[in-house]
C-alpha atoms as a PDB file:
ATOM      1  CA  MET A   1      11.347 -16.204  -7.094  1.00  0.00           C
ATOM      2  CA  ILE A   2       8.048 -14.673  -8.217  1.00  0.00           C
ATOM      3  CA  THR A   3       5.674 -17.543  -8.858  1.00  0.00           C
ATOM      4  CA  ARG A   4       3.033 -15.505 -10.666  1.00  0.00           C
ATOM      5  CA  LYS A   5       2.880 -12.532 -12.975  1.00  0.00           C
ATOM      6  CA  ALA A   6       4.169  -9.519 -11.038  1.00  0.00           C
ATOM      7  CA  THR A   7       1.208  -7.311 -11.888  1.00  0.00           C
ATOM      8  CA  ASP A   8      -1.111  -9.880 -10.287  1.00  0.00           C
ATOM      9  CA  LYS A   9       0.543  -9.015  -6.990  1.00  0.00           C
ATOM     10  CA  ILE A  10       0.503  -5.222  -7.382  1.00  0.00           C
ATOM     11  CA  ILE A  11      -2.239  -3.052  -5.893  1.00  0.00           C
ATOM     12  CA  LEU A  12      -2.388   0.535  -7.122  1.00  0.00           C
ATOM     13  CA  GLY A  13      -2.804   3.113  -4.380  1.00  0.00           C
ATOM     14  CA  THR A  14      -4.917   6.173  -5.059  1.00  0.00           C
ATOM     15  CA  VAL A  15      -4.113   8.676  -2.311  1.00  0.00           C
ATOM     16  CA  GLN A  16      -2.191  10.694  -4.929  1.00  0.00           C
ATOM     17  CA  PHE A  17      -5.392  10.951  -6.990  1.00  0.00           C
ATOM     18  CA  GLY A  18      -7.200  12.846  -4.265  1.00  0.00           C
ATOM     19  CA  LEU A  19      -4.482  14.646  -2.285  1.00  0.00           C
ATOM     20  CA  ASP A  20      -1.011  16.152  -2.655  1.00  0.00           C
ATOM     21  CA  TYR A  21       0.991  13.330  -1.092  1.00  0.00           C
ATOM     22  CA  GLY A  22       4.572  12.123  -0.658  1.00  0.00           C
ATOM     23  CA  ILE A  23       7.888  13.617   0.406  1.00  0.00           C
ATOM     24  CA  ASN A  24       9.212  13.403  -3.170  1.00  0.00           C
ATOM     25  CA  ASN A  25       6.027  14.349  -5.039  1.00  0.00           C
ATOM     26  CA  ASN A  26       6.923  17.320  -7.242  1.00  0.00           C
ATOM     27  CA  PHE A  27       3.860  17.019  -9.476  1.00  0.00           C
ATOM     28  CA  GLY A  28       0.976  17.520  -7.065  1.00  0.00           C
ATOM     29  CA  LYS A  29      -2.418  15.887  -7.509  1.00  0.00           C
ATOM     30  CA  PRO A  30      -2.943  14.806 -11.159  1.00  0.00           C
ATOM     31  CA  ASN A  31      -6.052  16.047 -12.977  1.00  0.00           C
ATOM     32  CA  PRO A  32      -8.807  13.536 -13.847  1.00  0.00           C
ATOM     33  CA  GLN A  33      -7.569  13.072 -17.417  1.00  0.00           C
ATOM     34  CA  LYS A  34      -4.117  12.076 -16.175  1.00  0.00           C
ATOM     35  CA  VAL A  35      -5.678   9.747 -13.610  1.00  0.00           C
ATOM     36  CA  PHE A  36      -7.708   8.113 -16.384  1.00  0.00           C
ATOM     37  CA  SER A  37      -4.499   7.504 -18.370  1.00  0.00           C
ATOM     38  CA  ILE A  38      -2.878   5.927 -15.306  1.00  0.00           C
ATOM     39  CA  LEU A  39      -5.891   3.709 -14.608  1.00  0.00           C
ATOM     40  CA  ASN A  40      -6.257   2.637 -18.256  1.00  0.00           C
ATOM     41  CA  THR A  41      -2.588   1.647 -18.390  1.00  0.00           C
ATOM     42  CA  ALA A  42      -2.754  -0.154 -15.048  1.00  0.00           C
ATOM     43  CA  TYR A  43      -5.819  -2.153 -16.068  1.00  0.00           C
ATOM     44  CA  ASP A  44      -4.349  -3.080 -19.440  1.00  0.00           C
ATOM     45  CA  ALA A  45      -1.178  -4.264 -17.671  1.00  0.00           C
ATOM     46  CA  GLY A  46      -3.162  -6.633 -15.468  1.00  0.00           C
ATOM     47  CA  ILE A  47      -3.502  -4.630 -12.257  1.00  0.00           C
ATOM     48  CA  ARG A  48      -6.992  -5.246 -10.927  1.00  0.00           C
ATOM     49  CA  ILE A  49      -7.103  -3.857  -7.369  1.00  0.00           C
ATOM     50  CA  LEU A  50      -7.189  -0.219  -6.258  1.00  0.00           C
ATOM     51  CA  ASP A  51      -6.583   0.850  -2.672  1.00  0.00           C
ATOM     52  CA  THR A  52      -8.407   4.005  -1.622  1.00  0.00           C
ATOM     53  CA  ALA A  53     -10.124   5.619   1.376  1.00  0.00           C
ATOM     54  CA  GLU A  54     -12.787   8.098   2.372  1.00  0.00           C
ATOM     55  CA  ALA A  55      -9.945  10.243   3.743  1.00  0.00           C
ATOM     56  CA  TYR A  56      -8.188  10.490   0.354  1.00  0.00           C
ATOM     57  CA  GLY A  57      -9.849  13.684  -0.755  1.00  0.00           C
ATOM     58  CA  SER A  58     -11.577  13.278  -4.138  1.00  0.00           C
ATOM     59  CA  ALA A  59     -10.104   9.827  -4.900  1.00  0.00           C
ATOM     60  CA  HIS A  60     -13.446   7.988  -4.618  1.00  0.00           C
ATOM     61  CA  GLU A  61     -15.110  10.369  -7.041  1.00  0.00           C
ATOM     62  CA  VAL A  62     -12.286  10.228  -9.611  1.00  0.00           C
ATOM     63  CA  ILE A  63     -12.329   6.416  -9.571  1.00  0.00           C
ATOM     64  CA  GLY A  64     -16.108   6.488  -9.984  1.00  0.00           C
ATOM     65  CA  GLN A  65     -15.794   8.835 -12.957  1.00  0.00           C
ATOM     66  CA  PHE A  66     -13.327   6.415 -14.541  1.00  0.00           C
ATOM     67  CA  HIS A  67     -15.663   3.445 -14.016  1.00  0.00           C
ATOM     68  CA  LYS A  68     -18.506   5.390 -15.597  1.00  0.00           C
ATOM     69  CA  ALA A  69     -16.348   6.355 -18.586  1.00  0.00           C
ATOM     70  CA  TYR A  70     -14.859   2.858 -18.977  1.00  0.00           C
ATOM     71  CA  PRO A  71     -17.532   0.336 -17.895  1.00  0.00           C
ATOM     72  CA  LEU A  72     -15.469  -2.593 -19.225  1.00  0.00           C
ATOM     73  CA  LYS A  73     -12.584  -1.708 -16.899  1.00  0.00           C
ATOM     74  CA  ILE A  74     -14.070  -1.974 -13.421  1.00  0.00           C
ATOM     75  CA  PHE A  75     -11.426  -2.417 -10.708  1.00  0.00           C
ATOM     76  CA  ASP A  76     -11.792  -4.360  -7.486  1.00  0.00           C
ATOM     77  CA  ILE A  77     -11.837  -1.724  -4.755  1.00  0.00           C
ATOM     78  CA  ILE A  78     -10.445  -1.758  -1.248  1.00  0.00           C
ATOM     79  CA  THR A  79     -11.429   1.294   0.726  1.00  0.00           C
ATOM     80  CA  LYS A  80     -11.085   2.380   4.339  1.00  0.00           C
ATOM     81  CA  LEU A  81     -13.486   3.728   6.889  1.00  0.00           C
ATOM     82  CA  PRO A  82     -12.373   7.019   8.462  1.00  0.00           C
ATOM     83  CA  ASN A  83     -10.595   6.975  11.809  1.00  0.00           C
ATOM     84  CA  HIS A  84     -13.691   8.463  13.415  1.00  0.00           C
ATOM     85  CA  ILE A  85     -16.757   6.669  12.098  1.00  0.00           C
ATOM     86  CA  ASP A  86     -19.728   9.025  12.227  1.00  0.00           C
ATOM     87  CA  GLY A  87     -23.172   7.767  11.332  1.00  0.00           C
ATOM     88  CA  SER A  88     -24.328   4.484   9.885  1.00  0.00           C
ATOM     89  CA  ILE A  89     -21.800   2.123   8.272  1.00  0.00           C
ATOM     90  CA  TYR A  90     -24.573   0.925   5.941  1.00  0.00           C
ATOM     91  CA  GLN A  91     -25.118   4.480   4.767  1.00  0.00           C
ATOM     92  CA  LYS A  92     -21.393   4.866   4.238  1.00  0.00           C
ATOM     93  CA  ILE A  93     -21.267   1.729   2.114  1.00  0.00           C
ATOM     94  CA  ASP A  94     -24.142   2.975  -0.031  1.00  0.00           C
ATOM     95  CA  LYS A  95     -22.288   6.282  -0.430  1.00  0.00           C
ATOM     96  CA  TYR A  96     -19.066   4.484  -1.382  1.00  0.00           C
ATOM     97  CA  PHE A  97     -20.892   2.380  -3.978  1.00  0.00           C
ATOM     98  CA  HIS A  98     -22.369   5.532  -5.492  1.00  0.00           C
ATOM     99  CA  GLN A  99     -19.075   7.463  -5.468  1.00  0.00           C
ATOM    100  CA  LEU A 100     -17.039   4.574  -6.886  1.00  0.00           C
ATOM    101  CA  ASN A 101     -19.734   3.422  -9.326  1.00  0.00           C
ATOM    102  CA  ILE A 102     -19.528  -0.206  -8.130  1.00  0.00           C
ATOM    103  CA  ASN A 103     -21.883  -2.663  -6.435  1.00  0.00           C
ATOM    104  CA  LYS A 104     -19.475  -4.473  -4.098  1.00  0.00           C
ATOM    105  CA  LEU A 105     -16.143  -3.934  -2.349  1.00  0.00           C
ATOM    106  CA  LYS A 106     -13.147  -6.226  -2.471  1.00  0.00           C
ATOM    107  CA  GLY A 107     -12.301  -5.087   1.027  1.00  0.00           C
ATOM    108  CA  LEU A 108     -13.402  -2.681   3.723  1.00  0.00           C
ATOM    109  CA  PHE A 109     -10.628  -1.707   6.134  1.00  0.00           C
ATOM    110  CA  PHE A 110     -10.330   0.149   9.385  1.00  0.00           C
ATOM    111  CA  HIS A 111      -7.952   2.976   8.463  1.00  0.00           C
ATOM    112  CA  SER A 112      -5.849   2.535  11.593  1.00  0.00           C
ATOM    113  CA  PHE A 113      -5.343   0.265  14.554  1.00  0.00           C
ATOM    114  CA  GLU A 114      -6.874   2.964  16.762  1.00  0.00           C
ATOM    115  CA  SER A 115     -10.016   3.030  14.638  1.00  0.00           C
ATOM    116  CA  TYR A 116     -10.169  -0.772  14.770  1.00  0.00           C
ATOM    117  CA  LYS A 117      -9.931  -0.713  18.567  1.00  0.00           C
ATOM    118  CA  GLN A 118     -12.519   2.032  18.981  1.00  0.00           C
ATOM    119  CA  ASN A 119     -15.013   0.413  16.609  1.00  0.00           C
ATOM    120  CA  LYS A 120     -14.615  -3.321  17.238  1.00  0.00           C
ATOM    121  CA  THR A 121     -18.289  -3.505  18.136  1.00  0.00           C
ATOM    122  CA  SER A 122     -19.007  -2.618  14.495  1.00  0.00           C
ATOM    123  CA  ILE A 123     -17.386  -5.798  13.181  1.00  0.00           C
ATOM    124  CA  TYR A 124     -20.690  -7.657  13.407  1.00  0.00           C
ATOM    125  CA  LEU A 125     -22.047  -5.135  10.884  1.00  0.00           C
ATOM    126  CA  LEU A 126     -19.085  -5.795   8.589  1.00  0.00           C
ATOM    127  CA  ASN A 127     -19.684  -9.527   8.902  1.00  0.00           C
ATOM    128  CA  ALA A 128     -23.293  -8.929   7.884  1.00  0.00           C
ATOM    129  CA  LEU A 129     -22.018  -7.025   4.842  1.00  0.00           C
ATOM    130  CA  LYS A 130     -19.787  -9.998   4.034  1.00  0.00           C
ATOM    131  CA  ALA A 131     -22.746 -12.349   4.351  1.00  0.00           C
ATOM    132  CA  SER A 132     -24.746 -10.215   1.922  1.00  0.00           C
ATOM    133  CA  GLN A 133     -21.708 -10.125  -0.420  1.00  0.00           C
ATOM    134  CA  ASP A 134     -21.468  -6.343  -0.289  1.00  0.00           C
ATOM    135  CA  ILE A 135     -17.865  -6.742   0.841  1.00  0.00           C
ATOM    136  CA  GLU A 136     -15.491  -9.673   0.368  1.00  0.00           C
ATOM    137  CA  TYR A 137     -12.906  -9.050   3.092  1.00  0.00           C
ATOM    138  CA  ILE A 138     -12.523  -7.166   6.374  1.00  0.00           C
ATOM    139  CA  GLY A 139      -9.136  -5.570   6.929  1.00  0.00           C
ATOM    140  CA  VAL A 140      -7.084  -3.401   9.257  1.00  0.00           C
ATOM    141  CA  SER A 141      -4.261  -1.039   8.376  1.00  0.00           C
ATOM    142  CA  ILE A 142      -1.569  -1.094  11.081  1.00  0.00           C
ATOM    143  CA  TYR A 143       1.908   0.341  11.706  1.00  0.00           C
ATOM    144  CA  THR A 144       3.638  -1.593  14.475  1.00  0.00           C
ATOM    145  CA  ASN A 145       4.397  -5.248  15.118  1.00  0.00           C
ATOM    146  CA  ALA A 146       2.685  -4.952  18.499  1.00  0.00           C
ATOM    147  CA  GLN A 147      -0.524  -3.855  16.765  1.00  0.00           C
ATOM    148  CA  MET A 148      -0.195  -6.738  14.329  1.00  0.00           C
ATOM    149  CA  GLU A 149       0.241  -9.225  17.168  1.00  0.00           C
ATOM    150  CA  GLU A 150      -3.202  -8.231  18.453  1.00  0.00           C
ATOM    151  CA  VAL A 151      -4.947  -8.141  15.065  1.00  0.00           C
ATOM    152  CA  ILE A 152      -3.583 -11.586  14.166  1.00  0.00           C
ATOM    153  CA  LEU A 153      -5.688 -13.049  16.968  1.00  0.00           C
ATOM    154  CA  ASP A 154      -8.952 -11.630  15.586  1.00  0.00           C
ATOM    155  CA  CYS A 155     -10.614 -14.308  13.460  1.00  0.00           C
ATOM    156  CA  ASP A 156     -12.950 -11.694  11.928  1.00  0.00           C
ATOM    157  CA  VAL A 157     -10.040  -9.863  10.258  1.00  0.00           C
ATOM    158  CA  ASP A 158      -9.107 -11.296   6.862  1.00  0.00           C
ATOM    159  CA  ILE A 159      -6.459  -8.849   5.618  1.00  0.00           C
ATOM    160  CA  ILE A 160      -3.723  -6.987   7.459  1.00  0.00           C
ATOM    161  CA  GLN A 161      -2.035  -4.080   5.688  1.00  0.00           C
ATOM    162  CA  LEU A 162       1.331  -2.909   7.042  1.00  0.00           C
ATOM    163  CA  PRO A 163       4.467  -1.068   5.933  1.00  0.00           C
ATOM    164  CA  TYR A 164       7.243  -3.097   4.312  1.00  0.00           C
ATOM    165  CA  ASN A 165      10.229  -1.937   2.275  1.00  0.00           C
ATOM    166  CA  ILE A 166      14.004  -2.137   2.003  1.00  0.00           C
ATOM    167  CA  LEU A 167      14.415  -0.262   5.298  1.00  0.00           C
ATOM    168  CA  ASP A 168      11.307  -1.556   7.080  1.00  0.00           C
ATOM    169  CA  ASN A 169      12.430  -5.005   6.039  1.00  0.00           C
ATOM    170  CA  HIS A 170      12.671  -8.698   6.938  1.00  0.00           C
ATOM    171  CA  ASN A 171      14.948  -7.754   9.816  1.00  0.00           C
ATOM    172  CA  HIS A 172      12.033  -5.952  11.445  1.00  0.00           C
ATOM    173  CA  ARG A 173       8.949  -7.657   9.983  1.00  0.00           C
ATOM    174  CA  GLY A 174       9.965 -11.177   8.952  1.00  0.00           C
ATOM    175  CA  GLN A 175       8.842 -13.132  12.002  1.00  0.00           C
ATOM    176  CA  ILE A 176       5.522 -11.320  12.416  1.00  0.00           C
ATOM    177  CA  LEU A 177       4.701 -11.859   8.718  1.00  0.00           C
ATOM    178  CA  LYS A 178       5.379 -15.561   9.074  1.00  0.00           C
ATOM    179  CA  LYS A 179       3.185 -15.716  12.173  1.00  0.00           C
ATOM    180  CA  ALA A 180       0.335 -13.910  10.392  1.00  0.00           C
ATOM    181  CA  LYS A 181       0.494 -16.236   7.395  1.00  0.00           C
ATOM    182  CA  ASN A 182       0.429 -19.246   9.706  1.00  0.00           C
ATOM    183  CA  ARG A 183      -2.808 -17.823  11.157  1.00  0.00           C
ATOM    184  CA  GLY A 184      -4.301 -17.663   7.663  1.00  0.00           C
ATOM    185  CA  LYS A 185      -4.152 -13.889   7.226  1.00  0.00           C
ATOM    186  CA  ILE A 186      -3.867 -12.208   3.840  1.00  0.00           C
ATOM    187  CA  ILE A 187      -0.957  -9.755   3.884  1.00  0.00           C
ATOM    188  CA  HIS A 188      -0.906  -6.478   1.971  1.00  0.00           C
ATOM    189  CA  THR A 189       2.124  -4.212   2.287  1.00  0.00           C
ATOM    190  CA  ARG A 190       2.404  -0.485   1.661  1.00  0.00           C
ATOM    191  CA  SER A 191       5.193   2.153   1.823  1.00  0.00           C
ATOM    192  CA  THR A 192       7.101   0.239  -0.853  1.00  0.00           C
ATOM    193  CA  PHE A 193       9.072   3.398  -1.661  1.00  0.00           C
ATOM    194  CA  LEU A 194       8.596   4.974   1.791  1.00  0.00           C
ATOM    195  CA  GLN A 195       6.681   7.879   0.248  1.00  0.00           C
ATOM    196  CA  GLY A 196       9.566   8.518  -2.166  1.00  0.00           C
ATOM    197  CA  LEU A 197      12.193   8.878   0.569  1.00  0.00           C
ATOM    198  CA  PHE A 198      14.595   6.538  -1.261  1.00  0.00           C
ATOM    199  CA  PHE A 199      14.826   8.920  -4.210  1.00  0.00           C
ATOM    200  CA  VAL A 200      15.465  12.182  -2.346  1.00  0.00           C
ATOM    201  CA  SER A 201      18.902  13.804  -2.477  1.00  0.00           C
ATOM    202  CA  LEU A 202      21.114  12.865   0.480  1.00  0.00           C
ATOM    203  CA  GLU A 203      21.963  16.557   0.796  1.00  0.00           C
ATOM    204  CA  ASP A 204      18.339  17.378   1.548  1.00  0.00           C
ATOM    205  CA  GLU A 205      18.044  19.077   4.949  1.00  0.00           C
ATOM    206  CA  ASN A 206      14.960  17.069   5.894  1.00  0.00           C
ATOM    207  CA  LYS A 207      15.645  15.709   9.388  1.00  0.00           C
ATOM    208  CA  THR A 208      14.434  12.194   8.568  1.00  0.00           C
ATOM    209  CA  ILE A 209      16.759  11.992   5.551  1.00  0.00           C
ATOM    210  CA  GLN A 210      19.685  13.144   7.663  1.00  0.00           C
ATOM    211  CA  ALA A 211      18.849  10.647  10.436  1.00  0.00           C
ATOM    212  CA  LEU A 212      18.728   7.806   7.879  1.00  0.00           C
ATOM    213  CA  ASN A 213      21.700   9.034   5.868  1.00  0.00           C
ATOM    214  CA  GLU A 214      23.888   6.011   6.571  1.00  0.00           C
ATOM    215  CA  GLU A 215      21.203   3.548   5.464  1.00  0.00           C
ATOM    216  CA  LEU A 216      20.306   5.598   2.372  1.00  0.00           C
ATOM    217  CA  ILE A 217      23.987   5.744   1.353  1.00  0.00           C
ATOM    218  CA  PHE A 218      24.154   1.947   1.700  1.00  0.00           C
ATOM    219  CA  ILE A 219      21.116   1.584  -0.578  1.00  0.00           C
ATOM    220  CA  LYS A 220      22.671   3.859  -3.209  1.00  0.00           C
ATOM    221  CA  HIS A 221      25.896   1.849  -3.116  1.00  0.00           C
ATOM    222  CA  LEU A 222      23.917  -1.386  -3.355  1.00  0.00           C
ATOM    223  CA  SER A 223      22.115  -0.017  -6.395  1.00  0.00           C
ATOM    224  CA  LYS A 224      25.338   1.059  -8.100  1.00  0.00           C
ATOM    225  CA  ASN A 225      27.207  -2.181  -7.382  1.00  0.00           C
ATOM    226  CA  SER A 226      24.316  -4.440  -8.439  1.00  0.00           C
ATOM    227  CA  GLY A 227      23.428  -2.538 -11.597  1.00  0.00           C
ATOM    228  CA  LYS A 228      19.813  -2.305 -10.393  1.00  0.00           C
ATOM    229  CA  SER A 229      18.032   1.000  -9.873  1.00  0.00           C
ATOM    230  CA  ILE A 230      16.813   1.856  -6.397  1.00  0.00           C
ATOM    231  CA  GLN A 231      13.265   1.526  -7.720  1.00  0.00           C
ATOM    232  CA  GLN A 232      14.011  -1.997  -8.991  1.00  0.00           C
ATOM    233  CA  LEU A 233      15.515  -2.937  -5.631  1.00  0.00           C
ATOM    234  CA  ALA A 234      12.598  -1.493  -3.649  1.00  0.00           C
ATOM    235  CA  LEU A 235       9.778  -2.935  -5.747  1.00  0.00           C
ATOM    236  CA  ASN A 236      11.152  -6.410  -6.354  1.00  0.00           C
ATOM    237  CA  TYR A 237      12.333  -6.831  -2.768  1.00  0.00           C
ATOM    238  CA  CYS A 238       8.670  -6.644  -1.751  1.00  0.00           C
ATOM    239  CA  LEU A 239       7.259  -8.603  -4.691  1.00  0.00           C
ATOM    240  CA  GLN A 240       9.599 -11.533  -4.022  1.00  0.00           C
ATOM    241  CA  GLN A 241       8.535 -12.011  -0.394  1.00  0.00           C
ATOM    242  CA  SER A 242       6.638 -15.299  -0.158  1.00  0.00           C
ATOM    243  CA  ASN A 243       4.660 -14.208   2.920  1.00  0.00           C
ATOM    244  CA  ILE A 244       3.286 -11.112   1.170  1.00  0.00           C
ATOM    245  CA  ASN A 245       0.141 -11.573  -0.937  1.00  0.00           C
ATOM    246  CA  ASN A 246      -0.053  -8.105  -2.487  1.00  0.00           C
ATOM    247  CA  VAL A 247       2.193  -5.062  -2.722  1.00  0.00           C
ATOM    248  CA  LEU A 248       0.698  -1.574  -2.768  1.00  0.00           C
ATOM    249  CA  ILE A 249       2.404   1.105  -4.854  1.00  0.00           C
ATOM    250  CA  GLY A 250       1.465   4.688  -5.567  1.00  0.00           C
ATOM    251  CA  VAL A 251       2.316   6.813  -8.611  1.00  0.00           C
ATOM    252  CA  ASP A 252       2.038  10.527  -9.338  1.00  0.00           C
ATOM    253  CA  ASN A 253       2.032  10.243 -13.121  1.00  0.00           C
ATOM    254  CA  LEU A 254       1.901   7.822 -16.046  1.00  0.00           C
ATOM    255  CA  ASN A 255       5.678   7.721 -16.514  1.00  0.00           C
ATOM    256  CA  GLN A 256       6.114   6.477 -12.957  1.00  0.00           C
ATOM    257  CA  LEU A 257       3.553   3.729 -13.514  1.00  0.00           C
ATOM    258  CA  ASN A 258       5.210   2.592 -16.740  1.00  0.00           C
ATOM    259  CA  GLN A 259       8.581   2.531 -15.000  1.00  0.00           C
ATOM    260  CA  ASN A 260       7.133   0.426 -12.165  1.00  0.00           C
ATOM    261  CA  LEU A 261       5.602  -2.001 -14.645  1.00  0.00           C
ATOM    262  CA  ALA A 262       8.944  -2.368 -16.429  1.00  0.00           C
ATOM    263  CA  ASP A 263      10.843  -2.743 -13.146  1.00  0.00           C
ATOM    264  CA  ALA A 264       8.490  -5.479 -11.924  1.00  0.00           C
ATOM    265  CA  ASP A 265       9.929  -7.796 -14.572  1.00  0.00           C
ATOM    266  CA  PHE A 266      13.303  -7.918 -12.814  1.00  0.00           C
ATOM    267  CA  SER A 267      14.278 -10.521 -10.234  1.00  0.00           C
ATOM    268  CA  LEU A 268      16.723  -9.968  -7.370  1.00  0.00           C
ATOM    269  CA  SER A 269      19.243 -12.641  -6.481  1.00  0.00           C
ATOM    270  CA  GLY A 270      19.195 -14.290  -3.071  1.00  0.00           C
ATOM    271  CA  GLU A 271      22.541 -12.640  -2.316  1.00  0.00           C
ATOM    272  CA  LEU A 272      21.123  -9.192  -3.055  1.00  0.00           C
ATOM    273  CA  ILE A 273      18.052  -9.842  -0.921  1.00  0.00           C
ATOM    274  CA  ASN A 274      20.319 -10.940   1.942  1.00  0.00           C
ATOM    275  CA  LYS A 275      22.252  -7.671   1.670  1.00  0.00           C
ATOM    276  CA  ILE A 276      19.000  -5.716   1.907  1.00  0.00           C
ATOM    277  CA  ASP A 277      17.973  -7.859   4.875  1.00  0.00           C
ATOM    278  CA  SER A 278      21.219  -6.837   6.606  1.00  0.00           C
ATOM    279  CA  ILE A 279      19.999  -3.222   6.840  1.00  0.00           C
ATOM    280  CA  HIS A 280      18.913  -2.586  10.406  1.00  0.00           C
ATOM    281  CA  VAL A 281      17.322   0.742  11.346  1.00  0.00           C
ATOM    282  CA  LYS A 282      17.669   1.063  15.115  1.00  0.00           C
ATOM    283  CA  ASP A 283      15.119   3.861  15.584  1.00  0.00           C
ATOM    284  CA  ILE A 284      12.034   2.362  13.931  1.00  0.00           C
ATOM    285  CA  ARG A 285      10.113   5.606  14.503  1.00  0.00           C
ATOM    286  CA  LEU A 286      12.049   6.955  11.506  1.00  0.00           C
ATOM    287  CA  LEU A 287      10.162   4.463   9.327  1.00  0.00           C
ATOM    288  CA  ASN A 288       6.745   5.915  10.196  1.00  0.00           C
ATOM    289  CA  PRO A 289       5.958   8.894   7.909  1.00  0.00           C
ATOM    290  CA  SER A 290       3.278  10.125  10.323  1.00  0.00           C
ATOM    291  CA  LEU A 291       6.070  10.854  12.809  1.00  0.00           C
ATOM    292  CA  TRP A 292       8.398  12.604  10.389  1.00  0.00           C
ATOM    293  CA  ILE A 293       9.515  16.136  11.187  1.00  0.00           C
ATOM    294  CA  GLN A 294      10.297  18.281   8.166  1.00  0.00           C
END
């Protein structure tokens, strides 16, 4: 059961604000006015954290424009250093503060495990930024359980962000999440809707959809038989995981956000969660969008 208000657990992703993103995104990048409507609604609903990155096109600037226009609605910001860190991290932080129109970061993440490995010598700088209260948490965004096993051992890392959804589920991630929580890590999950894959037509010729056809059919049947939409299944499956602190979602438009907010009020039964947990994708590479072949 959800022990706190669902929106307290939701983080709003912003990659869609700066780039055309997602396998099922038919709207493209929203203009600043539409982004402002999304952010106003999210804030009023109780969402307080935005997830962004230097690599997300104009996302930093759009968020900063919103903060300037609505100074009473300042979000906590998690952003990510680029995979290849050029120049001074201190200069980057100053640039981020200016772009985002804020004076501190909720979190500063390495954008990938590879970036974390290549720049581990920079962690002392991040710790100095924590000491000066410029950033609250240090994080790493990872893909695989093997990467997570290594990051768990790093006492300087506060937050680990990883994929988790109804396909990339407890069957695959459950034990490693429990291990991370036992080590005191804060867990953020992303890919809640697997970039919109769950909503694409099963007749689509995309090779990933065809390779996962059996699992996607099972999800559609589960949705029909339970009377819950696929979106309700996907969102609440993540929100109801006790070892997950925050769940990252992305939206392309205001209607999607409102639907997510409405769907977050539902609760899945233990029986339904067990059925989702029974899904086992043998080729886990199919769960990594960076490896997808169109």
